[in-house]
Amino acid sequence: MPARRPEPVPPVNLNTADSAQLQELPRVGPVLAERIIAWRTEHGRFSRPEDLDAVPGIGEAMMAALLPLVTV
């Protein structure tokens, strides 16, 4: 019997995700999830996934890891 591949995970929507959903992303814990939500609350909806760059604590390496996993 062939090995089962994991089901593809749908992208996390940066504009609607709550803290728990954001924490499903790699390297995103409770503090960073709250920073993402705070940025969204203060600045409005993310226009594009690349806007994550403006959130404190998200650097170049993290952006590269997150971009394929998020949507707006």
N, C-alpha and C. Protein backbone atom coordinates (compact mmCIF):
# COMPACT_ATOMS: atom_id res chain seq x y z
N MET A 1 0.85 -1.18 0.00
CA MET A 1 0.00 0.00 0.00
C MET A 1 0.90 1.24 0.00
N PRO A 2 0.67 2.17 -0.93
CA PRO A 2 1.52 3.36 -0.99
C PRO A 2 1.29 4.27 0.21
N ALA A 3 2.33 5.00 0.56
CA ALA A 3 2.21 5.94 1.68
C ALA A 3 1.24 7.05 1.31
N ARG A 4 0.45 7.45 2.28
CA ARG A 4 -0.51 8.54 2.04
C ARG A 4 0.19 9.87 2.14
N ARG A 5 -0.09 10.73 1.22
CA ARG A 5 0.43 12.08 1.29
C ARG A 5 -0.50 12.90 2.17
N PRO A 6 0.09 13.82 2.94
CA PRO A 6 -0.80 14.66 3.75
C PRO A 6 -1.66 15.54 2.84
N GLU A 7 -2.85 15.79 3.31
CA GLU A 7 -3.75 16.67 2.56
C GLU A 7 -3.14 18.05 2.47
N PRO A 8 -3.25 18.72 1.32
CA PRO A 8 -2.74 20.09 1.25
C PRO A 8 -3.48 20.99 2.22
N VAL A 9 -2.75 21.85 2.86
CA VAL A 9 -3.34 22.77 3.83
C VAL A 9 -3.73 24.04 3.09
N PRO A 10 -4.98 24.48 3.24
CA PRO A 10 -5.36 25.73 2.56
C PRO A 10 -4.58 26.90 3.14
N PRO A 11 -4.30 27.92 2.33
CA PRO A 11 -3.57 29.07 2.86
C PRO A 11 -4.35 29.78 3.96
N VAL A 12 -3.62 30.37 4.88
CA VAL A 12 -4.22 31.13 5.98
C VAL A 12 -4.48 32.54 5.48
N ASN A 13 -5.71 33.02 5.65
CA ASN A 13 -6.06 34.37 5.22
C ASN A 13 -5.65 35.37 6.31
N LEU A 14 -4.72 36.24 5.96
CA LEU A 14 -4.19 37.21 6.92
C LEU A 14 -5.26 38.18 7.41
N ASN A 15 -6.30 38.38 6.64
CA ASN A 15 -7.32 39.36 7.00
C ASN A 15 -8.44 38.79 7.86
N THR A 16 -8.53 37.47 7.95
CA THR A 16 -9.62 36.88 8.72
C THR A 16 -9.15 35.91 9.80
N ALA A 17 -7.90 35.51 9.76
CA ALA A 17 -7.40 34.50 10.70
C ALA A 17 -7.36 35.04 12.12
N ASP A 18 -7.73 34.18 13.07
CA ASP A 18 -7.58 34.53 14.47
C ASP A 18 -6.20 34.05 14.94
N SER A 19 -5.90 34.28 16.19
CA SER A 19 -4.59 33.95 16.73
C SER A 19 -4.27 32.47 16.57
N ALA A 20 -5.22 31.60 16.86
CA ALA A 20 -4.98 30.16 16.76
C ALA A 20 -4.65 29.74 15.33
N GLN A 21 -5.37 30.32 14.36
CA GLN A 21 -5.10 29.99 12.96
C GLN A 21 -3.72 30.49 12.54
N LEU A 22 -3.35 31.67 12.96
CA LEU A 22 -2.03 32.20 12.62
C LEU A 22 -0.93 31.35 13.24
N GLN A 23 -1.17 30.83 14.42
CA GLN A 23 -0.16 30.01 15.10
C GLN A 23 0.04 28.65 14.44
N GLU A 24 -0.82 28.28 13.51
CA GLU A 24 -0.61 27.05 12.74
C GLU A 24 0.51 27.23 11.72
N LEU A 25 0.88 28.47 11.45
CA LEU A 25 1.96 28.75 10.51
C LEU A 25 3.30 28.47 11.17
N PRO A 26 4.29 28.04 10.39
CA PRO A 26 5.60 27.76 10.99
C PRO A 26 6.23 29.02 11.57
N ARG A 27 6.84 28.87 12.75
CA ARG A 27 7.57 29.94 13.42
C ARG A 27 6.67 31.08 13.91
N VAL A 28 5.36 30.90 13.91
CA VAL A 28 4.45 31.92 14.43
C VAL A 28 3.88 31.41 15.74
N GLY A 29 4.25 32.08 16.82
CA GLY A 29 3.73 31.75 18.14
C GLY A 29 2.70 32.78 18.56
N PRO A 30 2.28 32.74 19.82
CA PRO A 30 1.23 33.64 20.30
C PRO A 30 1.63 35.12 20.19
N VAL A 31 2.88 35.44 20.46
CA VAL A 31 3.29 36.86 20.44
C VAL A 31 3.24 37.40 19.01
N LEU A 32 3.80 36.66 18.07
CA LEU A 32 3.80 37.13 16.68
C LEU A 32 2.39 37.15 16.10
N ALA A 33 1.58 36.16 16.46
CA ALA A 33 0.19 36.15 15.99
C ALA A 33 -0.53 37.41 16.46
N GLU A 34 -0.31 37.80 17.70
CA GLU A 34 -0.95 39.02 18.22
C GLU A 34 -0.40 40.27 17.52
N ARG A 35 0.87 40.27 17.16
CA ARG A 35 1.43 41.41 16.41
C ARG A 35 0.78 41.54 15.04
N ILE A 36 0.55 40.40 14.39
CA ILE A 36 -0.11 40.42 13.07
C ILE A 36 -1.52 40.97 13.22
N ILE A 37 -2.24 40.51 14.24
CA ILE A 37 -3.61 41.00 14.46
C ILE A 37 -3.59 42.48 14.83
N ALA A 38 -2.65 42.90 15.65
CA ALA A 38 -2.55 44.32 16.03
C ALA A 38 -2.26 45.18 14.80
N TRP A 39 -1.38 44.72 13.93
CA TRP A 39 -1.08 45.48 12.71
C TRP A 39 -2.34 45.61 11.86
N ARG A 40 -3.07 44.52 11.73
CA ARG A 40 -4.31 44.51 10.93
C ARG A 40 -5.34 45.44 11.55
N THR A 41 -5.44 45.47 12.87
CA THR A 41 -6.39 46.34 13.55
C THR A 41 -6.03 47.81 13.35
N GLU A 42 -4.74 48.11 13.44
CA GLU A 42 -4.28 49.49 13.34
C GLU A 42 -4.26 50.02 11.91
N HIS A 43 -3.89 49.18 10.96
CA HIS A 43 -3.67 49.64 9.58
C HIS A 43 -4.74 49.20 8.60
N GLY A 44 -5.63 48.34 9.02
CA GLY A 44 -6.65 47.83 8.09
C GLY A 44 -6.19 46.54 7.43
N ARG A 45 -6.96 46.11 6.48
CA ARG A 45 -6.70 44.83 5.82
C ARG A 45 -5.34 44.81 5.14
N PHE A 46 -4.76 43.62 5.09
CA PHE A 46 -3.55 43.42 4.29
C PHE A 46 -3.97 43.47 2.82
N SER A 47 -3.27 44.24 2.01
CA SER A 47 -3.57 44.32 0.58
C SER A 47 -2.98 43.15 -0.18
N ARG A 48 -1.84 42.67 0.31
CA ARG A 48 -1.15 41.56 -0.34
C ARG A 48 -0.33 40.84 0.72
N PRO A 49 -0.02 39.58 0.52
CA PRO A 49 0.73 38.84 1.53
C PRO A 49 2.07 39.50 1.88
N GLU A 50 2.69 40.15 0.92
CA GLU A 50 3.98 40.80 1.15
C GLU A 50 3.90 41.92 2.19
N ASP A 51 2.70 42.39 2.51
CA ASP A 51 2.53 43.42 3.54
C ASP A 51 2.92 42.91 4.92
N LEU A 52 3.06 41.60 5.08
CA LEU A 52 3.53 41.05 6.36
C LEU A 52 4.89 41.63 6.74
N ASP A 53 5.62 42.07 5.75
CA ASP A 53 6.93 42.67 5.97
C ASP A 53 6.88 43.83 6.96
N ALA A 54 5.74 44.49 7.05
CA ALA A 54 5.60 45.67 7.93
C ALA A 54 5.36 45.28 9.39
N VAL A 55 5.07 44.02 9.66
CA VAL A 55 4.80 43.58 11.03
C VAL A 55 6.13 43.40 11.77
N PRO A 56 6.29 44.04 12.92
CA PRO A 56 7.53 43.87 13.69
C PRO A 56 7.79 42.40 14.02
N GLY A 57 9.02 41.97 13.79
CA GLY A 57 9.40 40.60 14.11
C GLY A 57 9.38 39.67 12.91
N ILE A 58 8.92 40.15 11.77
CA ILE A 58 8.93 39.32 10.57
C ILE A 58 10.05 39.83 9.67
N GLY A 59 11.06 39.00 9.54
CA GLY A 59 12.21 39.35 8.71
C GLY A 59 12.16 38.64 7.37
N GLU A 60 13.25 38.78 6.65
CA GLU A 60 13.34 38.24 5.30
C GLU A 60 13.15 36.72 5.25
N ALA A 61 13.81 36.01 6.15
CA ALA A 61 13.72 34.54 6.14
C ALA A 61 12.31 34.08 6.48
N MET A 62 11.69 34.72 7.46
CA MET A 62 10.34 34.34 7.83
C MET A 62 9.36 34.65 6.69
N MET A 63 9.55 35.80 6.05
CA MET A 63 8.70 36.16 4.91
C MET A 63 8.76 35.07 3.84
N ALA A 64 9.96 34.62 3.53
CA ALA A 64 10.13 33.58 2.51
C ALA A 64 9.39 32.30 2.89
N ALA A 65 9.42 31.97 4.19
CA ALA A 65 8.74 30.75 4.66
C ALA A 65 7.22 30.91 4.66
N LEU A 66 6.73 32.11 4.96
CA LEU A 66 5.29 32.32 5.12
C LEU A 66 4.55 32.61 3.83
N LEU A 67 5.17 33.29 2.89
CA LEU A 67 4.46 33.72 1.68
C LEU A 67 3.71 32.61 0.96
N PRO A 68 4.28 31.40 0.82
CA PRO A 68 3.52 30.34 0.13
C PRO A 68 2.32 29.83 0.95
N LEU A 69 2.25 30.19 2.23
CA LEU A 69 1.24 29.62 3.12
C LEU A 69 0.12 30.59 3.48
N VAL A 70 0.20 31.82 2.99
CA VAL A 70 -0.79 32.83 3.36
C VAL A 70 -1.44 33.45 2.13
N THR A 71 -2.60 34.04 2.37
CA THR A 71 -3.34 34.73 1.32
C THR A 71 -4.04 35.93 1.96
N VAL A 72 -4.63 36.77 1.10
CA VAL A 72 -5.42 37.90 1.61
C VAL A 72 -6.80 37.89 0.98
